[in-house]
Amino acid sequence: MSLLNRWRRPANTLRTERLELIPIRVEMLDAERRSDGSFCDLLQARVTHEWPPEHWEPHVLEFIRKQIEGEPHAADWHRYVILREGLFRRTLIGCIGGFPKDAGDVEIGYSTLPEYQRRGYATEAARALIDMLLTRETVASVSAQTYQHVPESIKVMERAGMSYVGLGDEDGTVRYRKTRADTFPA
């Protein structure tokens, strides 16, 4: 049986006007690591020469695997691949995801491939993920951080409804956050 026939799009796939965010599963990580074309088959999408995004290294794949296995309650939002509908075929354009932090906070991160940057895709994906996360009972806030010298990333956070809350965890970073109260005022 082919991979296309075995794989079903997860029910927790997020859809926006232009994008589809598919949760990464262990079999997808394995296919990505094999680099044999099966990742493309699993996604039923075109994977460009720009894939993988910056910082998508083997240790990142292992980190995601451990998140999925270690926190199954959050496995459906640890990491998504971002697909853009095309005229003839969907294209893998980036990734987004989150991981639990202290006190009900989820920190998100996102990356789009260079060809698809500055077109609003990261903002659209971030809004979808943030909105979904803030409906979860265990999630009180969603945060993100970036370096102060990366204004494009700051714009994504602001356009996704996040507000500046101070310095980030690393030198030179700033943190933005959106809370459930921001989304669902009493």
C-alpha atoms as a PDB file:
ATOM      1  CA  MET A   1       0.000   0.000   0.000  1.00  0.00           C
ATOM      2  CA  SER A   2       1.417   3.390  -0.910  1.00  0.00           C
ATOM      3  CA  LEU A   3       2.083   6.130   1.594  1.00  0.00           C
ATOM      4  CA  LEU A   4      -0.618   8.238  -0.067  1.00  0.00           C
ATOM      5  CA  ASN A   5      -3.232   5.585   0.635  1.00  0.00           C
ATOM      6  CA  ARG A   6      -2.146   5.019   4.241  1.00  0.00           C
ATOM      7  CA  TRP A   7      -1.858   8.627   5.380  1.00  0.00           C
ATOM      8  CA  ARG A   8      -4.935  10.603   6.309  1.00  0.00           C
ATOM      9  CA  ARG A   9      -4.911  14.328   7.012  1.00  0.00           C
ATOM     10  CA  PRO A  10      -5.230  14.725  10.801  1.00  0.00           C
ATOM     11  CA  ALA A  11      -8.528  16.054  12.106  1.00  0.00           C
ATOM     12  CA  ASN A  12      -6.640  18.821  13.928  1.00  0.00           C
ATOM     13  CA  THR A  13      -5.301  20.310  10.704  1.00  0.00           C
ATOM     14  CA  LEU A  14      -5.705  24.089  10.768  1.00  0.00           C
ATOM     15  CA  ARG A  15      -6.966  25.898   7.700  1.00  0.00           C
ATOM     16  CA  THR A  16      -6.813  29.577   6.841  1.00  0.00           C
ATOM     17  CA  GLU A  17      -7.773  31.488   3.724  1.00  0.00           C
ATOM     18  CA  ARG A  18      -4.542  30.553   1.929  1.00  0.00           C
ATOM     19  CA  LEU A  19      -2.860  27.947   4.102  1.00  0.00           C
ATOM     20  CA  GLU A  20      -3.156  24.503   5.570  1.00  0.00           C
ATOM     21  CA  LEU A  21      -1.220  23.723   8.767  1.00  0.00           C
ATOM     22  CA  ILE A  22      -0.699  19.991   9.207  1.00  0.00           C
ATOM     23  CA  PRO A  23       0.580  18.641  12.542  1.00  0.00           C
ATOM     24  CA  ILE A  24       3.855  16.795  12.210  1.00  0.00           C
ATOM     25  CA  ARG A  25       3.677  13.157  13.240  1.00  0.00           C
ATOM     26  CA  VAL A  26       6.483  10.706  14.005  1.00  0.00           C
ATOM     27  CA  GLU A  27       6.173   9.028  10.582  1.00  0.00           C
ATOM     28  CA  MET A  28       6.693  12.441   8.975  1.00  0.00           C
ATOM     29  CA  LEU A  29       9.857  13.002  11.020  1.00  0.00           C
ATOM     30  CA  ASP A  30      11.128   9.599   9.933  1.00  0.00           C
ATOM     31  CA  ALA A  31      10.360  10.376   6.278  1.00  0.00           C
ATOM     32  CA  GLU A  32      12.099  13.752   6.548  1.00  0.00           C
ATOM     33  CA  ARG A  33      15.192  12.107   8.026  1.00  0.00           C
ATOM     34  CA  ARG A  34      15.308   9.464   5.265  1.00  0.00           C
ATOM     35  CA  SER A  35      15.426  12.147   2.527  1.00  0.00           C
ATOM     36  CA  ASP A  36      14.007   9.662   0.043  1.00  0.00           C
ATOM     37  CA  GLY A  37      11.021  11.651  -1.205  1.00  0.00           C
ATOM     38  CA  SER A  38       8.539   9.980   1.134  1.00  0.00           C
ATOM     39  CA  PHE A  39       8.120  13.235   3.109  1.00  0.00           C
ATOM     40  CA  CYS A  40       6.793  14.892  -0.038  1.00  0.00           C
ATOM     41  CA  ASP A  41       4.508  11.898  -0.624  1.00  0.00           C
ATOM     42  CA  LEU A  42       3.167  12.008   2.931  1.00  0.00           C
ATOM     43  CA  LEU A  43       2.343  15.687   2.626  1.00  0.00           C
ATOM     44  CA  GLN A  44       0.949  15.295  -0.867  1.00  0.00           C
ATOM     45  CA  ALA A  45       2.786  18.525  -1.614  1.00  0.00           C
ATOM     46  CA  ARG A  46       5.691  19.935  -3.541  1.00  0.00           C
ATOM     47  CA  VAL A  47       8.858  20.440  -1.491  1.00  0.00           C
ATOM     48  CA  THR A  48      11.141  23.095  -2.988  1.00  0.00           C
ATOM     49  CA  HIS A  49      14.928  23.227  -3.019  1.00  0.00           C
ATOM     50  CA  GLU A  50      14.740  25.803  -0.174  1.00  0.00           C
ATOM     51  CA  TRP A  51      13.495  23.160   2.280  1.00  0.00           C
ATOM     52  CA  PRO A  52      14.436  22.685   5.069  1.00  0.00           C
ATOM     53  CA  PRO A  53      14.249  26.123   6.679  1.00  0.00           C
ATOM     54  CA  GLU A  54      17.147  27.626   8.596  1.00  0.00           C
ATOM     55  CA  HIS A  55      17.791  25.844  11.932  1.00  0.00           C
ATOM     56  CA  TRP A  56      15.896  22.700  10.824  1.00  0.00           C
ATOM     57  CA  GLU A  57      18.720  20.359  11.723  1.00  0.00           C
ATOM     58  CA  PRO A  58      18.716  16.702  12.822  1.00  0.00           C
ATOM     59  CA  HIS A  59      18.753  17.666  16.511  1.00  0.00           C
ATOM     60  CA  VAL A  60      15.584  19.744  15.912  1.00  0.00           C
ATOM     61  CA  LEU A  61      13.814  16.703  14.452  1.00  0.00           C
ATOM     62  CA  GLU A  62      14.840  14.716  17.531  1.00  0.00           C
ATOM     63  CA  PHE A  63      13.632  17.529  19.833  1.00  0.00           C
ATOM     64  CA  ILE A  64      10.231  17.497  18.093  1.00  0.00           C
ATOM     65  CA  ARG A  65      10.046  13.701  18.381  1.00  0.00           C
ATOM     66  CA  LYS A  66      10.710  13.916  22.128  1.00  0.00           C
ATOM     67  CA  GLN A  67       8.025  16.603  22.493  1.00  0.00           C
ATOM     68  CA  ILE A  68       5.479  14.440  20.670  1.00  0.00           C
ATOM     69  CA  GLU A  69       6.347  11.335  22.679  1.00  0.00           C
ATOM     70  CA  GLY A  70       6.830  13.090  26.035  1.00  0.00           C
ATOM     71  CA  GLU A  71       3.783  15.345  25.966  1.00  0.00           C
ATOM     72  CA  PRO A  72       1.078  13.514  24.013  1.00  0.00           C
ATOM     73  CA  HIS A  73      -1.584  15.961  25.286  1.00  0.00           C
ATOM     74  CA  ALA A  74       0.143  18.678  23.273  1.00  0.00           C
ATOM     75  CA  ALA A  75       1.320  16.582  20.333  1.00  0.00           C
ATOM     76  CA  ASP A  76      -1.165  18.134  17.953  1.00  0.00           C
ATOM     77  CA  TRP A  77       0.389  21.595  18.256  1.00  0.00           C
ATOM     78  CA  HIS A  78       4.089  21.012  18.831  1.00  0.00           C
ATOM     79  CA  ARG A  79       4.919  21.602  15.194  1.00  0.00           C
ATOM     80  CA  TYR A  80       3.029  22.100  11.975  1.00  0.00           C
ATOM     81  CA  VAL A  81       4.178  22.262   8.399  1.00  0.00           C
ATOM     82  CA  ILE A  82       2.687  25.157   6.471  1.00  0.00           C
ATOM     83  CA  LEU A  83       1.305  24.352   3.056  1.00  0.00           C
ATOM     84  CA  ARG A  84       0.125  26.914   0.524  1.00  0.00           C
ATOM     85  CA  GLU A  85      -2.482  25.974  -2.016  1.00  0.00           C
ATOM     86  CA  GLY A  86      -1.193  26.350  -5.550  1.00  0.00           C
ATOM     87  CA  LEU A  87      -2.737  26.282  -8.971  1.00  0.00           C
ATOM     88  CA  PHE A  88      -1.913  22.611  -9.496  1.00  0.00           C
ATOM     89  CA  ARG A  89      -0.371  21.401  -6.245  1.00  0.00           C
ATOM     90  CA  ARG A  90       0.208  22.445  -2.659  1.00  0.00           C
ATOM     91  CA  THR A  91       3.674  23.642  -1.694  1.00  0.00           C
ATOM     92  CA  LEU A  92       5.504  23.284   1.618  1.00  0.00           C
ATOM     93  CA  ILE A  93       6.453  26.862   2.551  1.00  0.00           C
ATOM     94  CA  GLY A  94       7.442  26.698   6.227  1.00  0.00           C
ATOM     95  CA  CYS A  95       6.749  25.465   9.716  1.00  0.00           C
ATOM     96  CA  ILE A  96       5.262  26.730  12.947  1.00  0.00           C
ATOM     97  CA  GLY A  97       4.729  25.254  16.369  1.00  0.00           C
ATOM     98  CA  GLY A  98       4.723  25.730  20.088  1.00  0.00           C
ATOM     99  CA  PHE A  99       5.905  24.129  23.266  1.00  0.00           C
ATOM    100  CA  PRO A 100       4.611  24.410  26.821  1.00  0.00           C
ATOM    101  CA  LYS A 101       6.373  26.810  29.150  1.00  0.00           C
ATOM    102  CA  ASP A 102       5.650  27.698  32.783  1.00  0.00           C
ATOM    103  CA  ALA A 103       2.259  28.769  34.148  1.00  0.00           C
ATOM    104  CA  GLY A 104       0.119  27.864  31.155  1.00  0.00           C
ATOM    105  CA  ASP A 105       2.216  29.740  28.594  1.00  0.00           C
ATOM    106  CA  VAL A 106       3.003  28.250  25.193  1.00  0.00           C
ATOM    107  CA  GLU A 107       5.944  29.695  23.291  1.00  0.00           C
ATOM    108  CA  ILE A 108       5.614  29.601  19.522  1.00  0.00           C
ATOM    109  CA  GLY A 109       8.178  29.800  16.767  1.00  0.00           C
ATOM    110  CA  TYR A 110       7.753  30.053  13.020  1.00  0.00           C
ATOM    111  CA  SER A 111       9.763  30.025   9.843  1.00  0.00           C
ATOM    112  CA  THR A 112       8.892  30.509   6.201  1.00  0.00           C
ATOM    113  CA  LEU A 113      11.156  29.714   3.318  1.00  0.00           C
ATOM    114  CA  PRO A 114      12.832  32.787   1.756  1.00  0.00           C
ATOM    115  CA  GLU A 115      10.723  32.674  -1.431  1.00  0.00           C
ATOM    116  CA  TYR A 116       7.535  32.978   0.678  1.00  0.00           C
ATOM    117  CA  GLN A 117       8.604  35.658   3.150  1.00  0.00           C
ATOM    118  CA  ARG A 118       7.029  39.135   3.319  1.00  0.00           C
ATOM    119  CA  ARG A 119       3.720  37.882   1.924  1.00  0.00           C
ATOM    120  CA  GLY A 120       1.811  37.570   5.205  1.00  0.00           C
ATOM    121  CA  TYR A 121       2.028  33.766   5.409  1.00  0.00           C
ATOM    122  CA  ALA A 122       3.823  33.685   8.780  1.00  0.00           C
ATOM    123  CA  THR A 123       1.270  36.117  10.238  1.00  0.00           C
ATOM    124  CA  GLU A 124      -1.639  34.089   8.866  1.00  0.00           C
ATOM    125  CA  ALA A 125      -0.192  30.865  10.289  1.00  0.00           C
ATOM    126  CA  ALA A 126       0.637  32.496  13.651  1.00  0.00           C
ATOM    127  CA  ARG A 127      -2.906  33.856  14.007  1.00  0.00           C
ATOM    128  CA  ALA A 128      -4.375  30.422  13.324  1.00  0.00           C
ATOM    129  CA  LEU A 129      -2.093  28.700  15.835  1.00  0.00           C
ATOM    130  CA  ILE A 130      -2.553  31.368  18.522  1.00  0.00           C
ATOM    131  CA  ASP A 131      -6.339  31.342  18.139  1.00  0.00           C
ATOM    132  CA  MET A 132      -6.446  27.547  18.411  1.00  0.00           C
ATOM    133  CA  LEU A 133      -4.088  27.449  21.408  1.00  0.00           C
ATOM    134  CA  LEU A 134      -6.064  30.033  23.367  1.00  0.00           C
ATOM    135  CA  THR A 135      -9.168  27.831  23.158  1.00  0.00           C
ATOM    136  CA  ARG A 136      -7.303  25.118  25.094  1.00  0.00           C
ATOM    137  CA  GLU A 137      -8.193  24.974  28.771  1.00  0.00           C
ATOM    138  CA  THR A 138      -4.575  24.486  29.848  1.00  0.00           C
ATOM    139  CA  VAL A 139      -3.239  27.439  27.825  1.00  0.00           C
ATOM    140  CA  ALA A 140      -3.468  30.880  29.468  1.00  0.00           C
ATOM    141  CA  SER A 141      -1.140  32.728  27.093  1.00  0.00           C
ATOM    142  CA  VAL A 142       0.911  32.389  23.936  1.00  0.00           C
ATOM    143  CA  SER A 143       4.295  34.077  23.653  1.00  0.00           C
ATOM    144  CA  ALA A 144       7.097  34.403  21.131  1.00  0.00           C
ATOM    145  CA  GLN A 145      10.503  36.004  21.131  1.00  0.00           C
ATOM    146  CA  THR A 146      12.871  37.265  18.507  1.00  0.00           C
ATOM    147  CA  TYR A 147      15.974  39.368  18.192  1.00  0.00           C
ATOM    148  CA  GLN A 148      15.461  43.126  18.224  1.00  0.00           C
ATOM    149  CA  HIS A 149      17.263  43.397  14.886  1.00  0.00           C
ATOM    150  CA  VAL A 150      14.658  41.201  13.103  1.00  0.00           C
ATOM    151  CA  PRO A 151      11.815  43.664  12.461  1.00  0.00           C
ATOM    152  CA  GLU A 152      10.009  41.255  10.129  1.00  0.00           C
ATOM    153  CA  SER A 153       9.517  38.798  12.997  1.00  0.00           C
ATOM    154  CA  ILE A 154       8.369  41.577  15.334  1.00  0.00           C
ATOM    155  CA  LYS A 155       5.797  42.598  12.713  1.00  0.00           C
ATOM    156  CA  VAL A 156       4.513  39.018  12.539  1.00  0.00           C
ATOM    157  CA  MET A 157       3.970  38.969  16.301  1.00  0.00           C
ATOM    158  CA  GLU A 158       2.262  42.364  16.337  1.00  0.00           C
ATOM    159  CA  ARG A 159       0.033  41.558  13.366  1.00  0.00           C
ATOM    160  CA  ALA A 160      -0.897  38.272  15.008  1.00  0.00           C
ATOM    161  CA  GLY A 161      -2.279  40.239  17.975  1.00  0.00           C
ATOM    162  CA  MET A 162       0.619  39.881  20.389  1.00  0.00           C
ATOM    163  CA  SER A 163       1.856  42.750  22.560  1.00  0.00           C
ATOM    164  CA  TYR A 164       5.364  43.590  23.680  1.00  0.00           C
ATOM    165  CA  VAL A 165       5.965  42.397  27.272  1.00  0.00           C
ATOM    166  CA  GLY A 166       9.709  42.882  27.724  1.00  0.00           C
ATOM    167  CA  LEU A 167      13.041  41.287  27.106  1.00  0.00           C
ATOM    168  CA  GLY A 168      13.310  37.680  25.978  1.00  0.00           C
ATOM    169  CA  ASP A 169      15.308  34.793  27.433  1.00  0.00           C
ATOM    170  CA  GLU A 170      18.437  35.432  25.370  1.00  0.00           C
ATOM    171  CA  ASP A 171      20.542  38.586  25.100  1.00  0.00           C
ATOM    172  CA  GLY A 172      19.150  40.912  22.466  1.00  0.00           C
ATOM    173  CA  THR A 173      15.717  39.283  22.261  1.00  0.00           C
ATOM    174  CA  VAL A 174      12.294  40.741  22.952  1.00  0.00           C
ATOM    175  CA  ARG A 175       9.157  38.868  24.006  1.00  0.00           C
ATOM    176  CA  TYR A 176       5.584  39.355  22.847  1.00  0.00           C
ATOM    177  CA  ARG A 177       2.476  37.711  24.312  1.00  0.00           C
ATOM    178  CA  LYS A 178      -1.243  37.295  23.797  1.00  0.00           C
ATOM    179  CA  THR A 179      -3.397  36.053  26.679  1.00  0.00           C
ATOM    180  CA  ARG A 180      -6.734  34.342  26.821  1.00  0.00           C
ATOM    181  CA  ALA A 181      -8.117  37.524  28.434  1.00  0.00           C
ATOM    182  CA  ASP A 182      -6.966  39.459  25.344  1.00  0.00           C
ATOM    183  CA  THR A 183      -8.894  37.048  23.166  1.00  0.00           C
ATOM    184  CA  PHE A 184     -11.949  36.350  25.333  1.00  0.00           C
ATOM    185  CA  PRO A 185     -12.506  39.411  27.550  1.00  0.00           C
ATOM    186  CA  ALA A 186     -14.857  38.863  30.485  1.00  0.00           C
END
